[in-house]
C-alpha atoms as a PDB file:
ATOM      1  CA  UNK A   1     -66.450 -60.969 -29.916  1.00  0.00           C
ATOM      2  CA  UNK A   2     -67.981 -57.554 -29.593  1.00  0.00           C
ATOM      3  CA  UNK A   3     -67.938 -55.877 -26.269  1.00  0.00           C
ATOM      4  CA  UNK A   4     -71.189 -54.345 -25.408  1.00  0.00           C
ATOM      5  CA  UNK A   5     -70.041 -52.590 -22.310  1.00  0.00           C
ATOM      6  CA  UNK A   6     -67.695 -49.812 -23.197  1.00  0.00           C
ATOM      7  CA  UNK A   7     -64.466 -49.801 -21.241  1.00  0.00           C
ATOM      8  CA  UNK A   8     -63.145 -46.698 -19.657  1.00  0.00           C
ATOM      9  CA  UNK A   9     -60.311 -45.140 -21.581  1.00  0.00           C
ATOM     10  CA  UNK A  10     -57.258 -44.140 -19.630  1.00  0.00           C
ATOM     11  CA  UNK A  11     -57.040 -40.439 -19.402  1.00  0.00           C
ATOM     12  CA  UNK A  12     -53.726 -38.655 -18.988  1.00  0.00           C
ATOM     13  CA  UNK A  13     -53.154 -36.861 -15.784  1.00  0.00           C
ATOM     14  CA  UNK A  14     -53.900 -33.149 -16.111  1.00  0.00           C
ATOM     15  CA  UNK A  15     -50.822 -32.506 -13.973  1.00  0.00           C
ATOM     16  CA  UNK A  16     -48.527 -33.855 -16.704  1.00  0.00           C
ATOM     17  CA  UNK A  17     -50.108 -31.586 -19.278  1.00  0.00           C
ATOM     18  CA  UNK A  18     -49.783 -28.579 -17.014  1.00  0.00           C
ATOM     19  CA  UNK A  19     -46.139 -29.388 -16.224  1.00  0.00           C
ATOM     20  CA  UNK A  20     -45.325 -29.753 -19.924  1.00  0.00           C
ATOM     21  CA  UNK A  21     -47.050 -26.456 -20.686  1.00  0.00           C
ATOM     22  CA  UNK A  22     -45.188 -24.639 -17.849  1.00  0.00           C
ATOM     23  CA  UNK A  23     -41.806 -26.090 -18.920  1.00  0.00           C
ATOM     24  CA  UNK A  24     -42.423 -25.014 -22.514  1.00  0.00           C
ATOM     25  CA  UNK A  25     -43.435 -21.517 -21.392  1.00  0.00           C
ATOM     26  CA  UNK A  26     -40.300 -21.207 -19.224  1.00  0.00           C
ATOM     27  CA  UNK A  27     -38.058 -22.332 -22.070  1.00  0.00           C
ATOM     28  CA  UNK A  28     -39.685 -19.896 -24.467  1.00  0.00           C
ATOM     29  CA  UNK A  29     -39.440 -17.024 -21.960  1.00  0.00           C
ATOM     30  CA  UNK A  30     -35.749 -17.804 -21.266  1.00  0.00           C
ATOM     31  CA  UNK A  31     -34.921 -17.737 -24.978  1.00  0.00           C
ATOM     32  CA  UNK A  32     -36.926 -14.549 -25.467  1.00  0.00           C
ATOM     33  CA  UNK A  33     -35.253 -12.908 -22.440  1.00  0.00           C
ATOM     34  CA  UNK A  34     -31.796 -13.843 -23.738  1.00  0.00           C
ATOM     35  CA  UNK A  35     -32.566 -12.285 -27.119  1.00  0.00           C
ATOM     36  CA  UNK A  36     -33.885  -9.122 -25.440  1.00  0.00           C
ATOM     37  CA  UNK A  37     -30.739  -8.835 -23.284  1.00  0.00           C
ATOM     38  CA  UNK A  38     -28.434  -9.224 -26.282  1.00  0.00           C
ATOM     39  CA  UNK A  39     -30.356  -6.532 -28.140  1.00  0.00           C
ATOM     40  CA  UNK A  40     -30.311  -4.191 -25.110  1.00  0.00           C
ATOM     41  CA  UNK A  41     -26.561  -4.672 -24.728  1.00  0.00           C
ATOM     42  CA  UNK A  42     -25.981  -3.775 -28.375  1.00  0.00           C
ATOM     43  CA  UNK A  43     -28.127  -0.635 -28.041  1.00  0.00           C
ATOM     44  CA  UNK A  44     -26.314   0.432 -24.838  1.00  0.00           C
ATOM     45  CA  UNK A  45     -22.880  -0.115 -26.425  1.00  0.00           C
ATOM     46  CA  UNK A  46     -23.904   1.926 -29.446  1.00  0.00           C
ATOM     47  CA  UNK A  47     -25.183   4.733 -27.216  1.00  0.00           C
ATOM     48  CA  UNK A  48     -21.939   4.716 -25.213  1.00  0.00           C
ATOM     49  CA  UNK A  49     -19.848   4.984 -28.373  1.00  0.00           C
ATOM     50  CA  UNK A  50     -22.005   7.863 -29.595  1.00  0.00           C
ATOM     51  CA  UNK A  51     -21.555   9.690 -26.289  1.00  0.00           C
ATOM     52  CA  UNK A  52     -17.792   9.194 -26.329  1.00  0.00           C
ATOM     53  CA  UNK A  53     -17.628  10.534 -29.864  1.00  0.00           C
ATOM     54  CA  UNK A  54     -19.735  13.565 -28.876  1.00  0.00           C
ATOM     55  CA  UNK A  55     -17.472  14.257 -25.880  1.00  0.00           C
ATOM     56  CA  UNK A  56     -14.370  14.017 -28.051  1.00  0.00           C
ATOM     57  CA  UNK A  57     -15.840  16.553 -30.496  1.00  0.00           C
ATOM     58  CA  UNK A  58     -16.634  19.076 -27.755  1.00  0.00           C
ATOM     59  CA  UNK A  59     -13.010  19.495 -26.591  1.00  0.00           C
ATOM     60  CA  UNK A  60     -10.668  21.601 -28.688  1.00  0.00           C
ATOM     61  CA  UNK A  61      -7.265  20.458 -29.849  1.00  0.00           C
ATOM     62  CA  UNK A  62      -5.634  22.642 -27.180  1.00  0.00           C
ATOM     63  CA  UNK A  63      -7.788  21.022 -24.513  1.00  0.00           C
ATOM     64  CA  UNK A  64      -6.712  17.569 -25.598  1.00  0.00           C
ATOM     65  CA  UNK A  65      -3.036  18.606 -25.666  1.00  0.00           C
ATOM     66  CA  UNK A  66      -3.336  20.131 -22.204  1.00  0.00           C
ATOM     67  CA  UNK A  67      -5.058  17.029 -20.917  1.00  0.00           C
ATOM     68  CA  UNK A  68      -2.280  14.863 -22.375  1.00  0.00           C
ATOM     69  CA  UNK A  69       0.378  17.030 -20.704  1.00  0.00           C
ATOM     70  CA  UNK A  70      -1.432  16.891 -17.379  1.00  0.00           C
ATOM     71  CA  UNK A  71      -1.688  13.107 -17.559  1.00  0.00           C
ATOM     72  CA  UNK A  72       2.036  12.862 -18.396  1.00  0.00           C
ATOM     73  CA  UNK A  73       2.917  15.094 -15.418  1.00  0.00           C
ATOM     74  CA  UNK A  74       0.634  13.043 -13.192  1.00  0.00           C
ATOM     75  CA  UNK A  75       2.382   9.848 -14.288  1.00  0.00           C
ATOM     76  CA  UNK A  76       5.813  11.416 -13.699  1.00  0.00           C
ATOM     77  CA  UNK A  77       4.813  12.541 -10.204  1.00  0.00           C
ATOM     78  CA  UNK A  78       3.504   9.082  -9.325  1.00  0.00           C
ATOM     79  CA  UNK A  79       6.717   7.500 -10.657  1.00  0.00           C
ATOM     80  CA  UNK A  80       8.862   9.897  -8.632  1.00  0.00           C
ATOM     81  CA  UNK A  81       6.803   9.276  -5.514  1.00  0.00           C
ATOM     82  CA  UNK A  82       7.211   5.524  -5.881  1.00  0.00           C
ATOM     83  CA  UNK A  83      10.967   5.905  -6.397  1.00  0.00           C
ATOM     84  CA  UNK A  84      11.534   8.195  -3.429  1.00  0.00           C
ATOM     85  CA  UNK A  85       9.120   6.330  -1.158  1.00  0.00           C
ATOM     86  CA  UNK A  86      11.494   3.416  -0.619  1.00  0.00           C
ATOM     87  CA  UNK A  87      14.746   5.389  -0.307  1.00  0.00           C
ATOM     88  CA  UNK A  88      16.485   6.137   2.949  1.00  0.00           C
ATOM     89  CA  UNK A  89      16.164   9.672   4.279  1.00  0.00           C
ATOM     90  CA  UNK A  90      19.358  10.597   6.168  1.00  0.00           C
ATOM     91  CA  UNK A  91      17.720  13.775   7.495  1.00  0.00           C
ATOM     92  CA  UNK A  92      15.086  11.635   9.213  1.00  0.00           C
ATOM     93  CA  UNK A  93      17.869   9.896  11.129  1.00  0.00           C
ATOM     94  CA  UNK A  94      18.491  13.002  13.235  1.00  0.00           C
ATOM     95  CA  UNK A  95      14.815  13.321  14.193  1.00  0.00           C
ATOM     96  CA  UNK A  96      14.792   9.699  15.330  1.00  0.00           C
ATOM     97  CA  UNK A  97      18.226   9.702  16.983  1.00  0.00           C
ATOM     98  CA  UNK A  98      17.339  12.818  18.982  1.00  0.00           C
ATOM     99  CA  UNK A  99      14.784  10.728  20.883  1.00  0.00           C
ATOM    100  CA  UNK A 100      17.487   8.190  21.814  1.00  0.00           C
ATOM    101  CA  UNK A 101      19.945  10.582  23.518  1.00  0.00           C
ATOM    102  CA  UNK A 102      20.192  10.962  27.287  1.00  0.00           C
ATOM    103  CA  UNK A 103      19.669  14.571  28.455  1.00  0.00           C
ATOM    104  CA  UNK A 104      23.083  14.647  30.155  1.00  0.00           C
ATOM    105  CA  UNK A 105      24.959  13.370  27.080  1.00  0.00           C
ATOM    106  CA  UNK A 106      26.191  15.668  24.316  1.00  0.00           C
ATOM    107  CA  UNK A 107      28.142  14.906  21.186  1.00  0.00           C
ATOM    108  CA  UNK A 108      31.216  16.787  19.996  1.00  0.00           C
ATOM    109  CA  UNK A 109      31.723  14.918  16.723  1.00  0.00           C
ATOM    110  CA  UNK A 110      29.341  13.028  14.505  1.00  0.00           C
ATOM    111  CA  UNK A 111      29.932  11.180  11.218  1.00  0.00           C
ATOM    112  CA  UNK A 112      27.061   9.457   9.413  1.00  0.00           C
ATOM    113  CA  UNK A 113      27.385   7.171   6.403  1.00  0.00           C
ATOM    114  CA  UNK A 114      23.805   6.513   5.320  1.00  0.00           C
ATOM    115  CA  UNK A 115      24.845   4.162   2.523  1.00  0.00           C
ATOM    116  CA  UNK A 116      26.655   1.839   4.956  1.00  0.00           C
ATOM    117  CA  UNK A 117      24.178   2.636   7.772  1.00  0.00           C
ATOM    118  CA  UNK A 118      26.992   3.464  10.184  1.00  0.00           C
ATOM    119  CA  UNK A 119      27.593   6.370  12.555  1.00  0.00           C
ATOM    120  CA  UNK A 120      30.793   7.316  14.397  1.00  0.00           C
ATOM    121  CA  UNK A 121      30.100   9.531  17.398  1.00  0.00           C
ATOM    122  CA  UNK A 122      32.384  11.218  19.938  1.00  0.00           C
ATOM    123  CA  UNK A 123      30.645  12.498  23.014  1.00  0.00           C
ATOM    124  CA  UNK A 124      30.826  13.709  26.583  1.00  0.00           C
ATOM    125  CA  UNK A 125      28.803  13.062  29.680  1.00  0.00           C
ATOM    126  CA  UNK A 126      28.901  14.033  33.343  1.00  0.00           C
ATOM    127  CA  UNK A 127      29.745  10.604  34.778  1.00  0.00           C
ATOM    128  CA  UNK A 128      30.041   6.882  34.081  1.00  0.00           C
ATOM    129  CA  UNK A 129      26.535   6.164  35.386  1.00  0.00           C
ATOM    130  CA  UNK A 130      24.989   8.439  32.747  1.00  0.00           C
ATOM    131  CA  UNK A 131      27.144   6.795  30.063  1.00  0.00           C
ATOM    132  CA  UNK A 132      25.961   3.369  31.241  1.00  0.00           C
ATOM    133  CA  UNK A 133      22.316   4.484  31.121  1.00  0.00           C
ATOM    134  CA  UNK A 134      22.825   5.814  27.582  1.00  0.00           C
ATOM    135  CA  UNK A 135      24.416   2.552  26.444  1.00  0.00           C
ATOM    136  CA  UNK A 136      21.700   0.385  28.009  1.00  0.00           C
ATOM    137  CA  UNK A 137      19.008   2.490  26.356  1.00  0.00           C
ATOM    138  CA  UNK A 138      20.693   2.338  22.939  1.00  0.00           C
ATOM    139  CA  UNK A 139      21.160  -1.440  23.242  1.00  0.00           C
ATOM    140  CA  UNK A 140      17.472  -1.852  24.053  1.00  0.00           C
ATOM    141  CA  UNK A 141      16.500  -0.178  20.767  1.00  0.00           C
ATOM    142  CA  UNK A 142      17.316  -3.183  18.563  1.00  0.00           C
ATOM    143  CA  UNK A 143      14.709  -2.112  16.015  1.00  0.00           C
ATOM    144  CA  UNK A 144      16.743   1.067  15.312  1.00  0.00           C
ATOM    145  CA  UNK A 145      20.331   0.131  16.223  1.00  0.00           C
ATOM    146  CA  UNK A 146      21.697  -3.221  15.090  1.00  0.00           C
ATOM    147  CA  UNK A 147      25.153  -3.016  16.697  1.00  0.00           C
ATOM    148  CA  UNK A 148      26.911  -0.754  19.178  1.00  0.00           C
ATOM    149  CA  UNK A 149      30.628  -0.490  19.970  1.00  0.00           C
ATOM    150  CA  UNK A 150      32.007   1.723  22.734  1.00  0.00           C
ATOM    151  CA  UNK A 151      35.659   2.787  22.517  1.00  0.00           C
ATOM    152  CA  UNK A 152      38.107   5.466  23.649  1.00  0.00           C
ATOM    153  CA  UNK A 153      36.688   5.998  27.124  1.00  0.00           C
ATOM    154  CA  UNK A 154      38.512   8.619  29.129  1.00  0.00           C
ATOM    155  CA  UNK A 155      38.183  11.138  31.936  1.00  0.00           C
ATOM    156  CA  UNK A 156      38.126  14.855  31.234  1.00  0.00           C
ATOM    157  CA  UNK A 157      39.856  17.411  33.429  1.00  0.00           C
ATOM    158  CA  UNK A 158      36.530  18.600  34.862  1.00  0.00           C
ATOM    159  CA  UNK A 159      35.587  15.056  35.956  1.00  0.00           C
ATOM    160  CA  UNK A 160      33.342  14.247  33.014  1.00  0.00           C
ATOM    161  CA  UNK A 161      33.698  11.279  30.700  1.00  0.00           C
ATOM    162  CA  UNK A 162      34.725  11.313  27.013  1.00  0.00           C
ATOM    163  CA  UNK A 163      33.799   8.380  24.806  1.00  0.00           C
ATOM    164  CA  UNK A 164      33.445   7.214  21.215  1.00  0.00           C
ATOM    165  CA  UNK A 165      30.579   5.152  19.825  1.00  0.00           C
ATOM    166  CA  UNK A 166      30.368   3.262  16.555  1.00  0.00           C
ATOM    167  CA  UNK A 167      26.790   2.380  15.616  1.00  0.00           C
ATOM    168  CA  UNK A 168      25.422   0.092  12.947  1.00  0.00           C
ATOM    169  CA  UNK A 169      21.957   1.376  12.203  1.00  0.00           C
ATOM    170  CA  UNK A 170      18.796  -0.450  11.140  1.00  0.00           C
ATOM    171  CA  UNK A 171      17.165   0.823   7.924  1.00  0.00           C
ATOM    172  CA  UNK A 172      14.060   1.738   9.927  1.00  0.00           C
ATOM    173  CA  UNK A 173      15.857   4.660  11.616  1.00  0.00           C
ATOM    174  CA  UNK A 174      15.914   6.517   8.279  1.00  0.00           C
ATOM    175  CA  UNK A 175      12.114   6.427   8.035  1.00  0.00           C
ATOM    176  CA  UNK A 176       9.522   8.460   9.863  1.00  0.00           C
ATOM    177  CA  UNK A 177       8.812   6.858  13.221  1.00  0.00           C
ATOM    178  CA  UNK A 178       5.548   7.456  15.019  1.00  0.00           C
ATOM    179  CA  UNK A 179       5.926   7.924  18.754  1.00  0.00           C
END
């Protein structure tokens, strides 16, 4: 049978066509952008190599030799600095120990073995109270002095006190200490 009344044909949604067109355009632009970036990178790399070659040609042979020597000296200085940076400095001990001594205490003999971190000290003071204050202060500095041994205590003819101290020192006392 023949239909006399034409039926409406289903039309596609214009939104689907637009979405397909936009997706295709985005894909094409992404591919094109990627190609442009690869080409720009190659051009920039080539220009960088040309500049480096031009810079190398400008310097004379003496300049390059001098630059090599300077770089070698710089490396040697950095190596030396790293080696000496971690080593103990016995001279720094005296700067730090000076801050630990009571004003009424003086030392007549002093032996320092930095390798073993030990000090043997013979000293004098005006009385036992000052000696006690010195010992209490030294014992409170556990970050600088690990162990303390008092020996050979005696009275002097003038009424003062003679003593001997054996100290085991912390490694920190050989470094610069900020007050």
